[in-house]
Amino acid sequence: MYTVKRIEEDLDFGCEEREEGAPVMAVVTLIDSFGEEMRVKAEDAMLYERDINEGDKVYFDKDKLEKA
């Protein structure tokens, strides 16, 4: 289980802009029970759909975030 520390818009498109039709992504900073931080990318719409916000407890497994 992790705590969501921060959610930021993913603005790293490399040399180009985001491809047309590509989903808006967010960078989610997670903290585990040992205080270790991890950053993962997730679709912004999925975060809204699952009501995942900063401070929430979540489960993370292989690029899948679920609210606890």
PDB file of N, CA and C in Angstrom:
ATOM      1  N   MET A   1       0.847  -1.163   0.000  1.00  0.00           N
ATOM      2  CA  MET A   1       0.000   0.000   0.000  1.00  0.00           C
ATOM      3  C   MET A   1       0.901   1.237   0.000  1.00  0.00           C
ATOM      4  N   TYR A   2       0.444   2.280  -0.665  1.00  0.00           N
ATOM      5  CA  TYR A   2       1.194   3.517  -0.815  1.00  0.00           C
ATOM      6  C   TYR A   2       0.300   4.701  -0.485  1.00  0.00           C
ATOM      7  N   THR A   3       0.935   5.821  -0.191  1.00  0.00           N
ATOM      8  CA  THR A   3       0.238   7.089  -0.026  1.00  0.00           C
ATOM      9  C   THR A   3       0.592   7.966  -1.208  1.00  0.00           C
ATOM     10  N   VAL A   4      -0.402   8.621  -1.799  1.00  0.00           N
ATOM     11  CA  VAL A   4      -0.165   9.531  -2.908  1.00  0.00           C
ATOM     12  C   VAL A   4       0.370  10.841  -2.338  1.00  0.00           C
ATOM     13  N   LYS A   5       1.617  11.134  -2.638  1.00  0.00           N
ATOM     14  CA  LYS A   5       2.239  12.362  -2.139  1.00  0.00           C
ATOM     15  C   LYS A   5       1.927  13.544  -3.056  1.00  0.00           C
ATOM     16  N   ARG A   6       2.013  13.310  -4.364  1.00  0.00           N
ATOM     17  CA  ARG A   6       1.845  14.420  -5.301  1.00  0.00           C
ATOM     18  C   ARG A   6       1.320  13.882  -6.629  1.00  0.00           C
ATOM     19  N   ILE A   7       0.490  14.696  -7.287  1.00  0.00           N
ATOM     20  CA  ILE A   7       0.024  14.397  -8.638  1.00  0.00           C
ATOM     21  C   ILE A   7       0.314  15.629  -9.482  1.00  0.00           C
ATOM     22  N   GLU A   8       1.083  15.424 -10.554  1.00  0.00           N
ATOM     23  CA  GLU A   8       1.459  16.525 -11.429  1.00  0.00           C
ATOM     24  C   GLU A   8       1.161  16.143 -12.872  1.00  0.00           C
ATOM     25  N   GLU A   9       0.845  17.133 -13.687  1.00  0.00           N
ATOM     26  CA  GLU A   9       0.645  16.880 -15.105  1.00  0.00           C
ATOM     27  C   GLU A   9       1.976  16.469 -15.724  1.00  0.00           C
ATOM     28  N   ASP A  10       1.952  15.455 -16.577  1.00  0.00           N
ATOM     29  CA  ASP A  10       3.159  14.999 -17.268  1.00  0.00           C
ATOM     30  C   ASP A  10       3.406  15.919 -18.455  1.00  0.00           C
ATOM     31  N   LEU A  11       4.448  16.722 -18.362  1.00  0.00           N
ATOM     32  CA  LEU A  11       4.772  17.680 -19.421  1.00  0.00           C
ATOM     33  C   LEU A  11       5.995  17.259 -20.219  1.00  0.00           C
ATOM     34  N   ASP A  12       6.503  16.052 -19.991  1.00  0.00           N
ATOM     35  CA  ASP A  12       7.700  15.583 -20.676  1.00  0.00           C
ATOM     36  C   ASP A  12       7.316  14.829 -21.948  1.00  0.00           C
ATOM     37  N   PHE A  13       7.320  15.555 -23.073  1.00  0.00           N
ATOM     38  CA  PHE A  13       6.989  14.951 -24.360  1.00  0.00           C
ATOM     39  C   PHE A  13       8.232  14.767 -25.221  1.00  0.00           C
ATOM     40  N   GLY A  14       9.399  15.009 -24.666  1.00  0.00           N
ATOM     41  CA  GLY A  14      10.621  14.946 -25.458  1.00  0.00           C
ATOM     42  C   GLY A  14      10.716  16.172 -26.342  1.00  0.00           C
ATOM     43  N   CYS A  15      11.155  15.986 -27.562  1.00  0.00           N
ATOM     44  CA  CYS A  15      11.340  17.107 -28.492  1.00  0.00           C
ATOM     45  C   CYS A  15      10.033  17.549 -29.132  1.00  0.00           C
ATOM     46  N   GLU A  16       9.012  16.745 -29.020  1.00  0.00           N
ATOM     47  CA  GLU A  16       7.753  17.034 -29.687  1.00  0.00           C
ATOM     48  C   GLU A  16       6.650  17.262 -28.673  1.00  0.00           C
ATOM     49  N   GLU A  17       5.484  17.653 -29.174  1.00  0.00           N
ATOM     50  CA  GLU A  17       4.321  17.803 -28.315  1.00  0.00           C
ATOM     51  C   GLU A  17       3.616  16.454 -28.188  1.00  0.00           C
ATOM     52  N   ARG A  18       2.666  16.405 -27.286  1.00  0.00           N
ATOM     53  CA  ARG A  18       1.902  15.176 -27.103  1.00  0.00           C
ATOM     54  C   ARG A  18       1.187  14.836 -28.406  1.00  0.00           C
ATOM     55  N   GLU A  19       1.226  13.563 -28.779  1.00  0.00           N
ATOM     56  CA  GLU A  19       0.588  13.123 -30.014  1.00  0.00           C
ATOM     57  C   GLU A  19      -0.913  13.349 -29.942  1.00  0.00           C
ATOM     58  N   GLU A  20      -1.498  13.693 -31.083  1.00  0.00           N
ATOM     59  CA  GLU A  20      -2.936  13.901 -31.147  1.00  0.00           C
ATOM     60  C   GLU A  20      -3.655  12.608 -30.781  1.00  0.00           C
ATOM     61  N   GLY A  21      -4.623  12.713 -29.911  1.00  0.00           N
ATOM     62  CA  GLY A  21      -5.383  11.552 -29.475  1.00  0.00           C
ATOM     63  C   GLY A  21      -4.772  10.800 -28.309  1.00  0.00           C
ATOM     64  N   ALA A  22      -3.537  11.135 -27.955  1.00  0.00           N
ATOM     65  CA  ALA A  22      -2.895  10.472 -26.813  1.00  0.00           C
ATOM     66  C   ALA A  22      -3.539  10.971 -25.521  1.00  0.00           C
ATOM     67  N   PRO A  23      -3.741  10.094 -24.548  1.00  0.00           N
ATOM     68  CA  PRO A  23      -4.374  10.527 -23.301  1.00  0.00           C
ATOM     69  C   PRO A  23      -3.476  11.480 -22.510  1.00  0.00           C
ATOM     70  N   VAL A  24      -4.105  12.373 -21.768  1.00  0.00           N
ATOM     71  CA  VAL A  24      -3.361  13.256 -20.871  1.00  0.00           C
ATOM     72  C   VAL A  24      -2.859  12.394 -19.718  1.00  0.00           C
ATOM     73  N   MET A  25      -1.574  12.489 -19.451  1.00  0.00           N
ATOM     74  CA  MET A  25      -0.958  11.669 -18.413  1.00  0.00           C
ATOM     75  C   MET A  25      -0.576  12.532 -17.213  1.00  0.00           C
ATOM     76  N   ALA A  26      -0.479  11.881 -16.070  1.00  0.00           N
ATOM     77  CA  ALA A  26      -0.039  12.535 -14.837  1.00  0.00           C
ATOM     78  C   ALA A  26       1.129  11.740 -14.272  1.00  0.00           C
ATOM     79  N   VAL A  27       1.996  12.432 -13.550  1.00  0.00           N
ATOM     80  CA  VAL A  27       3.076  11.780 -12.824  1.00  0.00           C
ATOM     81  C   VAL A  27       2.644  11.732 -11.361  1.00  0.00           C
ATOM     82  N   VAL A  28       2.555  10.530 -10.814  1.00  0.00           N
ATOM     83  CA  VAL A  28       2.076  10.334  -9.454  1.00  0.00           C
ATOM     84  C   VAL A  28       3.263   9.915  -8.587  1.00  0.00           C
ATOM     85  N   THR A  29       3.524  10.681  -7.534  1.00  0.00           N
ATOM     86  CA  THR A  29       4.576  10.333  -6.585  1.00  0.00           C
ATOM     87  C   THR A  29       3.945   9.570  -5.437  1.00  0.00           C
ATOM     88  N   LEU A  30       4.421   8.342  -5.238  1.00  0.00           N
ATOM     89  CA  LEU A  30       3.908   7.466  -4.182  1.00  0.00           C
ATOM     90  C   LEU A  30       4.963   7.289  -3.099  1.00  0.00           C
ATOM     91  N   ILE A  31       4.514   7.113  -1.860  1.00  0.00           N
ATOM     92  CA  ILE A  31       5.412   6.828  -0.736  1.00  0.00           C
ATOM     93  C   ILE A  31       4.966   5.522  -0.103  1.00  0.00           C
ATOM     94  N   ASP A  32       5.927   4.599   0.098  1.00  0.00           N
ATOM     95  CA  ASP A  32       5.578   3.337   0.740  1.00  0.00           C
ATOM     96  C   ASP A  32       5.714   3.464   2.257  1.00  0.00           C
ATOM     97  N   SER A  33       5.478   2.380   2.960  1.00  0.00           N
ATOM     98  CA  SER A  33       5.490   2.399   4.429  1.00  0.00           C
ATOM     99  C   SER A  33       6.883   2.629   5.012  1.00  0.00           C
ATOM    100  N   PHE A  34       7.924   2.508   4.190  1.00  0.00           N
ATOM    101  CA  PHE A  34       9.296   2.747   4.640  1.00  0.00           C
ATOM    102  C   PHE A  34       9.766   4.165   4.320  1.00  0.00           C
ATOM    103  N   GLY A  35       8.896   4.975   3.703  1.00  0.00           N
ATOM    104  CA  GLY A  35       9.248   6.342   3.350  1.00  0.00           C
ATOM    105  C   GLY A  35       9.936   6.476   2.007  1.00  0.00           C
ATOM    106  N   GLU A  36      10.013   5.361   1.259  1.00  0.00           N
ATOM    107  CA  GLU A  36      10.632   5.388  -0.066  1.00  0.00           C
ATOM    108  C   GLU A  36       9.647   5.951  -1.083  1.00  0.00           C
ATOM    109  N   GLU A  37      10.136   6.850  -1.947  1.00  0.00           N
ATOM    110  CA  GLU A  37       9.294   7.451  -2.975  1.00  0.00           C
ATOM    111  C   GLU A  37       9.472   6.739  -4.304  1.00  0.00           C
ATOM    112  N   MET A  38       8.388   6.706  -5.059  1.00  0.00           N
ATOM    113  CA  MET A  38       8.384   6.125  -6.389  1.00  0.00           C
ATOM    114  C   MET A  38       7.495   7.001  -7.257  1.00  0.00           C
ATOM    115  N   ARG A  39       7.903   7.224  -8.495  1.00  0.00           N
ATOM    116  CA  ARG A  39       7.102   8.015  -9.429  1.00  0.00           C
ATOM    117  C   ARG A  39       6.595   7.114 -10.538  1.00  0.00           C
ATOM    118  N   VAL A  40       5.294   7.194 -10.810  1.00  0.00           N
ATOM    119  CA  VAL A  40       4.680   6.405 -11.871  1.00  0.00           C
ATOM    120  C   VAL A  40       3.817   7.320 -12.726  1.00  0.00           C
ATOM    121  N   LYS A  41       3.630   6.926 -13.981  1.00  0.00           N
ATOM    122  CA  LYS A  41       2.737   7.670 -14.869  1.00  0.00           C
ATOM    123  C   LYS A  41       1.394   6.963 -14.903  1.00  0.00           C
ATOM    124  N   ALA A  42       0.339   7.767 -14.921  1.00  0.00           N
ATOM    125  CA  ALA A  42      -1.015   7.228 -14.977  1.00  0.00           C
ATOM    126  C   ALA A  42      -1.880   8.170 -15.799  1.00  0.00           C
ATOM    127  N   GLU A  43      -2.894   7.620 -16.446  1.00  0.00           N
ATOM    128  CA  GLU A  43      -3.805   8.467 -17.204  1.00  0.00           C
ATOM    129  C   GLU A  43      -4.572   9.367 -16.246  1.00  0.00           C
ATOM    130  N   ASP A  44      -4.596  10.644 -16.572  1.00  0.00           N
ATOM    131  CA  ASP A  44      -5.270  11.636 -15.734  1.00  0.00           C
ATOM    132  C   ASP A  44      -6.753  11.302 -15.576  1.00  0.00           C
ATOM    133  N   ALA A  45      -7.396  10.889 -16.667  1.00  0.00           N
ATOM    134  CA  ALA A  45      -8.829  10.555 -16.614  1.00  0.00           C
ATOM    135  C   ALA A  45      -9.093   9.392 -15.653  1.00  0.00           C
ATOM    136  N   MET A  46      -8.175   8.416 -15.612  1.00  0.00           N
ATOM    137  CA  MET A  46      -8.332   7.276 -14.707  1.00  0.00           C
ATOM    138  C   MET A  46      -8.253   7.731 -13.250  1.00  0.00           C
ATOM    139  N   LEU A  47      -7.357   8.675 -12.964  1.00  0.00           N
ATOM    140  CA  LEU A  47      -7.254   9.185 -11.598  1.00  0.00           C
ATOM    141  C   LEU A  47      -8.558   9.850 -11.172  1.00  0.00           C
ATOM    142  N   TYR A  48      -9.160  10.631 -12.073  1.00  0.00           N
ATOM    143  CA  TYR A  48     -10.451  11.259 -11.764  1.00  0.00           C
ATOM    144  C   TYR A  48     -11.539  10.195 -11.607  1.00  0.00           C
ATOM    145  N   GLU A  49     -11.562   9.228 -12.530  1.00  0.00           N
ATOM    146  CA  GLU A  49     -12.576   8.173 -12.500  1.00  0.00           C
ATOM    147  C   GLU A  49     -12.544   7.393 -11.196  1.00  0.00           C
ATOM    148  N   ARG A  50     -11.343   7.128 -10.681  1.00  0.00           N
ATOM    149  CA  ARG A  50     -11.185   6.358  -9.444  1.00  0.00           C
ATOM    150  C   ARG A  50     -11.086   7.244  -8.215  1.00  0.00           C
ATOM    151  N   ASP A  51     -11.235   8.564  -8.408  1.00  0.00           N
ATOM    152  CA  ASP A  51     -11.203   9.548  -7.329  1.00  0.00           C
ATOM    153  C   ASP A  51      -9.926   9.424  -6.497  1.00  0.00           C
ATOM    154  N   ILE A  52      -8.786   9.306  -7.194  1.00  0.00           N
ATOM    155  CA  ILE A  52      -7.486   9.220  -6.532  1.00  0.00           C
ATOM    156  C   ILE A  52      -6.906  10.624  -6.430  1.00  0.00           C
ATOM    157  N   ASN A  53      -6.620  11.057  -5.207  1.00  0.00           N
ATOM    158  CA  ASN A  53      -6.131  12.401  -4.939  1.00  0.00           C
ATOM    159  C   ASN A  53      -4.906  12.350  -4.033  1.00  0.00           C
ATOM    160  N   GLU A  54      -4.217  13.474  -3.947  1.00  0.00           N
ATOM    161  CA  GLU A  54      -3.072  13.565  -3.032  1.00  0.00           C
ATOM    162  C   GLU A  54      -3.530  13.248  -1.617  1.00  0.00           C
ATOM    163  N   GLY A  55      -2.739  12.444  -0.912  1.00  0.00           N
ATOM    164  CA  GLY A  55      -3.060  12.050   0.454  1.00  0.00           C
ATOM    165  C   GLY A  55      -3.808  10.727   0.558  1.00  0.00           C
ATOM    166  N   ASP A  56      -4.335  10.229  -0.565  1.00  0.00           N
ATOM    167  CA  ASP A  56      -5.078   8.969  -0.553  1.00  0.00           C
ATOM    168  C   ASP A  56      -4.145   7.768  -0.404  1.00  0.00           C
ATOM    169  N   LYS A  57      -4.679   6.704   0.157  1.00  0.00           N
ATOM    170  CA  LYS A  57      -3.990   5.417   0.218  1.00  0.00           C
ATOM    171  C   LYS A  57      -4.390   4.633  -1.031  1.00  0.00           C
ATOM    172  N   VAL A  58      -3.393   4.048  -1.706  1.00  0.00           N
ATOM    173  CA  VAL A  58      -3.654   3.306  -2.932  1.00  0.00           C
ATOM    174  C   VAL A  58      -2.856   2.019  -2.950  1.00  0.00           C
ATOM    175  N   TYR A  59      -3.322   1.087  -3.769  1.00  0.00           N
ATOM    176  CA  TYR A  59      -2.581  -0.120  -4.087  1.00  0.00           C
ATOM    177  C   TYR A  59      -1.967   0.100  -5.457  1.00  0.00           C
ATOM    178  N   PHE A  60      -0.730  -0.301  -5.637  1.00  0.00           N
ATOM    179  CA  PHE A  60      -0.055  -0.179  -6.918  1.00  0.00           C
ATOM    180  C   PHE A  60       0.553  -1.519  -7.273  1.00  0.00           C
ATOM    181  N   ASP A  61       0.217  -1.993  -8.480  1.00  0.00           N
ATOM    182  CA  ASP A  61       0.757  -3.269  -8.942  1.00  0.00           C
ATOM    183  C   ASP A  61       0.900  -3.219 -10.448  1.00  0.00           C
ATOM    184  N   LYS A  62       2.124  -3.222 -10.926  1.00  0.00           N
ATOM    185  CA  LYS A  62       2.421  -3.279 -12.364  1.00  0.00           C
ATOM    186  C   LYS A  62       1.630  -2.243 -13.145  1.00  0.00           C
ATOM    187  N   ASP A  63       1.844  -0.990 -12.855  1.00  0.00           N
ATOM    188  CA  ASP A  63       1.230   0.136 -13.558  1.00  0.00           C
ATOM    189  C   ASP A  63      -0.277   0.252 -13.334  1.00  0.00           C
ATOM    190  N   LYS A  64      -0.790  -0.365 -12.307  1.00  0.00           N
ATOM    191  CA  LYS A  64      -2.230  -0.274 -12.012  1.00  0.00           C
ATOM    192  C   LYS A  64      -2.397   0.341 -10.628  1.00  0.00           C
ATOM    193  N   LEU A  65      -3.136   1.454 -10.572  1.00  0.00           N
ATOM    194  CA  LEU A  65      -3.423   2.126  -9.302  1.00  0.00           C
ATOM    195  C   LEU A  65      -4.884   1.889  -8.937  1.00  0.00           C
ATOM    196  N   GLU A  66      -5.110   1.503  -7.711  1.00  0.00           N
ATOM    197  CA  GLU A  66      -6.468   1.317  -7.178  1.00  0.00           C
ATOM    198  C   GLU A  66      -6.543   2.008  -5.830  1.00  0.00           C
ATOM    199  N   LYS A  67      -7.609   2.737  -5.580  1.00  0.00           N
ATOM    200  CA  LYS A  67      -7.801   3.386  -4.293  1.00  0.00           C
ATOM    201  C   LYS A  67      -8.072   2.331  -3.226  1.00  0.00           C
ATOM    202  N   ALA A  68      -7.449   2.495  -2.079  1.00  0.00           N
ATOM    203  CA  ALA A  68      -7.615   1.529  -0.986  1.00  0.00           C
ATOM    204  C   ALA A  68      -8.962   1.711  -0.308  1.00  0.00           C
TER     205      ALA A  68
END
